[in-house]
C-alpha cells in the first residue's frame, strides 16, 4: 500500500495549500518560500499554460481575483504577465522555478485545463521530478493522460469518477473494481455532510489508496481527521497544522 515515493512517510503528510493562503499571497514564490521556511516539505499548487505554452503556478483561469491585472492566463504570453502581480506585489512564478528552487520539496499539482497536461509532463520529465510530484485533478481523463505520459513512478490523485467508484465499491482488490489513482484527495465535508468517514478511510486503505483531506484550517477538524486515520492534510493555516502535528509528535517537516 502507498508504494509511490511521493507518499512515503512515517506520519501523515502536511501540505501547504497554494503555499499557505492565510499567511502569504497564494501561489507566489514568497508563499512557497514562507512555507518552506516553516518546515513544510509538501506543497500544493495549480498550473495553467500561457498562450506561449509556459506553465505557471496559478489557480484561476483569469488574473482578476488575485492580481492587479485582468485577462485569461491562457490568452497571454508569459512575458506579458510581468505586470500581473499577486496581491499587487508578487510575480506569478513558473512551475519549473518552484521545482528548481525547492529541490527537496514535493509538489501536489493540479493541471487546471487540458492544455496544461503535456507541458506539465514535459517539465516533470525534464526536471526528473516524477518521484516528487503527485498530479491530481477534477478530470479523470487528465490524470490518466499524464500517468500514461510519465509512467508508473508518478503518483496520481483520483478523479471524480474514481472517487465515486471508491465510495460505492465493496471491500475487494479486484483489478476490475479498484479505482484508478494512488490517493483520494477530497474535502472532509460536502454541503455540511461528512464526506471523509471512518468507513471511507478504511475502504481506501484496504484498496491501497491514501486519503488526503482539503482544505482544513481549524485545529479541531485537523485533530478529528487525524483520529480517523487520514494520510495527509492540506491547509491554508500553516501554523495551526504544524502546531497540531507537533503536539502529536507526527511533524514530518523540518523544525
Protein backbone atom coordinates (compact mmCIF):
# COMPACT_ATOMS: atom_id res chain seq x y z
CA UNK A 1 0.00 0.00 0.00
CA UNK A 2 1.13 3.57 -0.71
CA UNK A 3 4.20 2.41 -2.62
CA UNK A 4 4.88 5.62 -4.57
CA UNK A 5 7.91 7.65 -3.45
CA UNK A 6 5.73 10.74 -3.06
CA UNK A 7 3.63 9.02 -0.39
CA UNK A 8 6.46 7.57 1.68
CA UNK A 9 6.30 8.92 5.23
CA UNK A 10 6.09 7.59 8.76
CA UNK A 11 3.45 10.22 9.54
CA UNK A 12 0.51 11.92 7.80
CA UNK A 13 1.67 14.39 5.17
CA UNK A 14 1.36 18.12 5.84
CA UNK A 15 0.59 20.13 2.69
CA UNK A 16 0.91 23.90 2.30
CA UNK A 17 -2.14 24.67 0.14
CA UNK A 18 -1.11 27.15 -2.58
CA UNK A 19 1.85 27.89 -0.33
CA UNK A 20 -0.32 28.93 2.62
CA UNK A 21 -3.12 31.29 1.67
CA UNK A 22 -3.72 32.71 5.16
CA UNK A 23 -0.10 33.76 5.57
CA UNK A 24 1.11 34.72 2.10
CA UNK A 25 -0.07 35.77 -1.38
CA UNK A 26 -1.31 32.47 -2.81
CA UNK A 27 0.81 30.50 -5.27
CA UNK A 28 3.63 33.05 -5.11
CA UNK A 29 7.30 32.27 -4.69
CA UNK A 30 7.08 34.21 -1.43
CA UNK A 31 4.35 31.86 -0.22
CA UNK A 32 6.26 28.69 -1.03
CA UNK A 33 9.42 30.13 0.49
CA UNK A 34 7.47 31.01 3.62
CA UNK A 35 6.03 27.51 3.85
CA UNK A 36 9.47 26.02 3.26
CA UNK A 37 10.97 28.19 6.00
CA UNK A 38 8.25 26.94 8.38
CA UNK A 39 9.42 23.41 7.66
CA UNK A 40 6.83 22.30 5.13
CA UNK A 41 8.19 19.93 2.50
CA UNK A 42 4.89 19.14 0.79
CA UNK A 43 3.39 21.92 -1.31
CA UNK A 44 0.13 22.09 -3.23
CA UNK A 45 -0.28 24.21 -6.34
CA UNK A 46 -2.20 24.56 -9.59
CA UNK A 47 -0.93 25.14 -13.11
CA UNK A 48 -2.12 26.86 -16.26
CA UNK A 49 -0.38 27.07 -19.62
CA UNK A 50 0.11 30.57 -21.00
CA UNK A 51 -0.55 31.42 -24.65
CA UNK A 52 3.07 30.57 -25.49
CA UNK A 53 2.99 27.28 -23.58
CA UNK A 54 4.75 28.30 -20.37
CA UNK A 55 3.42 26.59 -17.25
CA UNK A 56 2.66 28.96 -14.39
CA UNK A 57 1.67 28.20 -10.81
CA UNK A 58 -1.75 29.83 -10.67
CA UNK A 59 -5.21 28.67 -9.64
CA UNK A 60 -7.78 30.69 -11.57
CA UNK A 61 -8.13 30.80 -15.33
CA UNK A 62 -8.37 34.60 -15.02
CA UNK A 63 -5.98 37.06 -13.39
CA UNK A 64 -8.77 39.20 -11.94
CA UNK A 65 -9.29 37.74 -8.44
CA UNK A 66 -5.77 37.69 -7.05
CA UNK A 67 -3.72 40.07 -9.18
CA UNK A 68 -3.78 43.75 -10.10
CA UNK A 69 -4.50 42.84 -13.73
CA UNK A 70 -7.26 41.31 -15.82
CA UNK A 71 -7.47 38.72 -18.57
CA UNK A 72 -7.26 34.98 -19.13
CA UNK A 73 -3.93 33.31 -18.39
CA UNK A 74 -4.21 31.11 -21.47
CA UNK A 75 -4.60 34.12 -23.76
CA UNK A 76 -1.46 35.96 -22.58
CA UNK A 77 2.21 35.24 -23.31
CA UNK A 78 4.33 34.71 -20.23
CA UNK A 79 6.47 37.76 -20.98
CA UNK A 80 3.33 39.88 -20.80
CA UNK A 81 2.40 38.52 -17.36
CA UNK A 82 5.14 40.52 -15.66
CA UNK A 83 2.67 43.33 -14.96
CA UNK A 84 0.29 40.93 -13.18
CA UNK A 85 1.25 40.85 -9.51
CA UNK A 86 -0.37 38.55 -6.96
CA UNK A 87 -1.78 40.71 -4.20
CA UNK A 88 -0.32 43.64 -6.11
CA UNK A 89 3.21 42.72 -5.04
CA UNK A 90 4.30 39.23 -6.11
CA UNK A 91 5.03 37.98 -9.64
CA UNK A 92 3.39 34.82 -10.96
CA UNK A 93 6.01 32.05 -10.83
CA UNK A 94 6.75 29.41 -13.41
CA UNK A 95 6.27 25.87 -12.14
CA UNK A 96 9.81 24.98 -13.12
CA UNK A 97 11.06 27.79 -10.86
CA UNK A 98 9.37 26.15 -7.89
CA UNK A 99 10.73 22.70 -8.68
CA UNK A 100 14.25 24.07 -9.04
CA UNK A 101 14.09 26.47 -6.08
CA UNK A 102 12.96 23.75 -3.66
CA UNK A 103 14.68 20.55 -4.83
CA UNK A 104 13.91 18.60 -1.65
CA UNK A 105 10.22 19.57 -1.57
CA UNK A 106 7.40 17.53 -3.06
CA UNK A 107 4.61 19.12 -5.06
CA UNK A 108 0.97 18.16 -5.43
CA UNK A 109 -0.01 19.71 -8.77
CA UNK A 110 -3.43 20.25 -10.34
CA UNK A 111 -3.43 20.94 -14.11
CA UNK A 112 -6.48 23.19 -14.37
CA UNK A 113 -7.22 22.58 -18.05
CA UNK A 114 -6.44 20.07 -20.78
CA UNK A 115 -3.79 22.26 -22.38
CA UNK A 116 -1.64 22.10 -19.25
CA UNK A 117 -1.20 18.32 -19.29
CA UNK A 118 1.51 17.95 -21.95
CA UNK A 119 3.58 20.94 -20.70
CA UNK A 120 3.36 19.53 -17.17
CA UNK A 121 4.53 16.11 -18.31
CA UNK A 122 7.42 17.71 -20.21
CA UNK A 123 8.56 19.65 -17.14
CA UNK A 124 8.31 16.61 -14.88
CA UNK A 125 10.48 14.62 -17.29
CA UNK A 126 12.95 17.47 -17.89
CA UNK A 127 13.49 18.04 -14.17
CA UNK A 128 13.43 14.33 -13.31
CA UNK A 129 10.69 15.05 -10.77
CA UNK A 130 8.36 12.08 -11.22
CA UNK A 131 9.18 10.72 -7.77
CA UNK A 132 8.41 14.02 -6.02
CA UNK A 133 5.23 15.04 -7.81
CA UNK A 134 1.64 13.95 -7.38
CA UNK A 135 -0.83 15.04 -10.04
CA UNK A 136 -4.46 15.48 -9.04
CA UNK A 137 -7.38 16.89 -10.97
CA UNK A 138 -11.15 17.15 -11.16
CA UNK A 139 -10.75 15.42 -14.54
CA UNK A 140 -10.21 11.66 -14.61
CA UNK A 141 -9.09 11.98 -18.23
CA UNK A 142 -6.29 14.45 -17.42
CA UNK A 143 -5.00 12.20 -14.67
CA UNK A 144 -4.94 9.15 -16.93
CA UNK A 145 -3.27 11.11 -19.73
CA UNK A 146 -0.39 12.32 -17.61
CA UNK A 147 0.01 8.93 -15.96
CA UNK A 148 0.39 7.42 -19.42
CA UNK A 149 2.91 10.09 -20.44
CA UNK A 150 5.07 9.78 -17.30
CA UNK A 151 4.76 6.14 -16.31
CA UNK A 152 4.42 4.22 -13.04
CA UNK A 153 6.80 6.35 -10.94
CA UNK A 154 4.29 9.21 -10.91
CA UNK A 155 1.84 9.45 -8.03
CA UNK A 156 -1.69 10.37 -9.13
CA UNK A 157 -4.75 11.54 -7.29
CA UNK A 158 -8.13 10.04 -8.00
CA UNK A 159 -10.56 11.90 -10.24
CA UNK A 160 -14.30 12.28 -9.51
CA UNK A 161 -15.24 9.03 -11.26
CA UNK A 162 -12.64 7.08 -9.31
CA UNK A 163 -13.75 8.70 -6.05
CA UNK A 164 -17.34 7.69 -6.78
CA UNK A 165 -16.16 4.18 -7.54
CA UNK A 166 -14.31 4.09 -4.23
CA UNK A 167 -17.42 5.25 -2.37
CA UNK A 168 -19.65 2.52 -3.75
CA UNK A 169 -17.13 -0.29 -4.10
CA UNK A 170 -17.14 -3.32 -1.87
CA UNK A 171 -14.05 -4.33 0.04
CA UNK A 172 -12.23 -6.00 -2.83
CA UNK A 173 -8.88 -5.71 -4.55
CA UNK A 174 -10.24 -6.94 -7.86
CA UNK A 175 -8.48 -5.29 -10.81
CA UNK A 176 -11.88 -4.63 -12.29
CA UNK A 177 -13.17 -2.74 -9.27
CA UNK A 178 -10.14 -0.88 -7.91
CA UNK A 179 -10.35 2.85 -8.78
CA UNK A 180 -7.56 4.48 -10.80
CA UNK A 181 -5.10 6.61 -8.82
CA UNK A 182 -2.97 6.37 -5.71
CA UNK A 183 -4.74 8.76 -3.35
CA UNK A 184 -8.19 10.16 -2.71
CA UNK A 185 -7.78 13.91 -2.21
CA UNK A 186 -11.17 15.07 -1.02
CA UNK A 187 -12.93 17.61 1.24
CA UNK A 188 -13.88 16.49 4.72
CA UNK A 189 -17.46 17.66 4.13
CA UNK A 190 -19.70 18.50 1.19
CA UNK A 191 -22.53 20.94 1.92
CA UNK A 192 -22.11 20.23 5.62
CA UNK A 193 -22.38 16.46 5.23
CA UNK A 194 -19.29 14.44 6.27
CA UNK A 195 -17.51 13.01 3.24
CA UNK A 196 -14.43 11.58 4.92
CA UNK A 197 -15.67 9.00 7.38
CA UNK A 198 -14.05 6.10 9.18
CA UNK A 199 -15.62 3.75 6.65
CA UNK A 200 -14.27 5.80 3.72
CA UNK A 201 -10.73 5.75 5.14
CA UNK A 202 -10.85 2.02 5.87
CA UNK A 203 -12.11 1.23 2.39
CA UNK A 204 -9.44 3.39 0.76
CA UNK A 205 -6.70 1.77 2.81
CA UNK A 206 -7.96 -1.71 2.04
CA UNK A 207 -7.66 -0.90 -1.65
CA UNK A 208 -4.17 0.53 -1.15
CA UNK A 209 -5.16 4.18 -1.53
CA UNK A 210 -4.09 7.12 0.63
CA UNK A 211 -6.61 9.70 1.85
CA UNK A 212 -5.70 13.40 1.83
CA UNK A 213 -8.16 15.97 3.19
CA UNK A 214 -8.52 19.52 1.86
CA UNK A 215 -8.65 22.35 2.74
CA UNK A 216 -8.62 22.07 6.55
CA UNK A 217 -7.85 25.19 8.59
CA UNK A 218 -9.36 24.64 12.06
CA UNK A 219 -7.33 22.75 14.69
CA UNK A 220 -10.37 20.81 15.90
CA UNK A 221 -11.09 19.48 12.42
CA UNK A 222 -7.43 18.64 11.88
CA UNK A 223 -7.49 16.61 15.10
CA UNK A 224 -10.72 14.86 14.08
CA UNK A 225 -9.40 13.84 10.67
CA UNK A 226 -6.12 12.58 12.09
CA UNK A 227 -8.13 10.45 14.51
CA UNK A 228 -9.97 8.98 11.51
CA UNK A 229 -6.62 7.91 10.08
CA UNK A 230 -6.17 10.20 7.07
CA UNK A 231 -2.77 10.10 5.40
CA UNK A 232 -2.39 13.82 4.79
CA UNK A 233 -3.99 17.23 5.28
CA UNK A 234 -3.86 20.29 3.04
CA UNK A 235 -4.20 23.62 4.79
CA UNK A 236 -4.14 27.38 4.32
CA UNK A 237 -3.38 27.73 8.04
CA UNK A 238 0.22 26.59 8.21
CA UNK A 239 0.89 27.45 11.84
CA UNK A 240 -2.24 25.65 13.05
CA UNK A 241 -1.48 22.45 11.16
CA UNK A 242 2.15 22.43 12.24
CA UNK A 243 1.13 23.04 15.87
CA UNK A 244 -1.27 20.08 15.90
CA UNK A 245 1.29 17.82 14.25
CA UNK A 246 3.99 18.88 16.71
CA UNK A 247 1.70 18.28 19.68
CA UNK A 248 1.02 14.77 18.40
CA UNK A 249 4.67 14.09 17.62
CA UNK A 250 3.92 13.48 13.94
CA UNK A 251 5.50 16.53 12.30
CA UNK A 252 7.19 15.20 9.16
CA UNK A 253 8.64 18.50 8.02
CA UNK A 254 11.62 20.42 9.32
CA UNK A 255 11.70 22.24 12.64
